[in-house]
Amino acid sequence: MLNKYARAFFTRVLTPFAALLLRLGVSPDTVTLIGTGGVMAGALVFFPRGEFFWGTVTITLFVFSDLVDGTMARQSGRSSRWGAFLDSTLDRIADAAVFGGIALWYAGGGGDPVLCAVAIFCLASGQVVSYTKARGESIGLPVNVNGLVERAERLVITLVCAGLAGFETTFGVPHIGVLLPVALWVVAAGSLVTILQRMVTVRREAAEADAAAARGGTGQGGGGGASGRPPGRNGATAAGQGSEAP
């Protein structure tokens, strides 16, 4: 849901910076790689040690690369299937690093196996949320649903609450650390609801496509929905995952 509004706003804000990078000869793929590396460093260096404030600051500085690289590609006319694939793939890696870093904290110094398990569930369910849309599109279905908690919501909720929780360990602000556990439970529940929303939508669209194929008498009008074979991977998967960029 945040994608619809926040993405357009930040794209306008970051357009001059994207133009500057292009003038300096920086490629969109380079920005994608650097941004992912920065997010991973912030999450896996700071979070496992409980330094959520500085980890969140580092991640925030790099997470906007996801908007910058796309803006650069459009400005330079270098948008490509490879760029979309690379961007979507590295987004999944960055997301895994964020929740993986939190899980490592609760498995170690945080000393809370339950919250460690919740963080792992957030990691896994986030991947499945993206996969359900990408897989549905790859078998020829539109998957006309976004869902309650997409990638933007997952990151905003988690990073804002992690950053605020860091005020307790870094600056001694009492009781604010409870926000991170609350965020994890909210993201876990929201991701589960989103997965179910997308599964229900794909089931309905697949039934409609199969019914249309049966009425047409061809037996093939539903694409790969009935046989499980995708009708052709012409960028639908990348587009499906890329739609969840923040």
Foldseek 3Di string as FASTA:
>chain_A
DCLVPVLVVVLVVCLVVLVVCVVVVHALVNLLVVLLVQLLCLLQVQLLVLQLQSSLVSNVVRLCSLSSSVSNCVVVVNDDLVSLQSNLVSLLVSLLSNLVSNLNNCVPVVVPNVLSVLSVLLSVLLVLLLVLQLLLVQQPFNLPDNFQAFLVNLCVQQSVLSNQLSCCVPVNDPPSVVSNSVSSVVSSVRSVRSSVSSVVSSVVRLVVQQVVCVVVVPSCSSGCSVVSDGNDPPSSNSVSSSSRRD
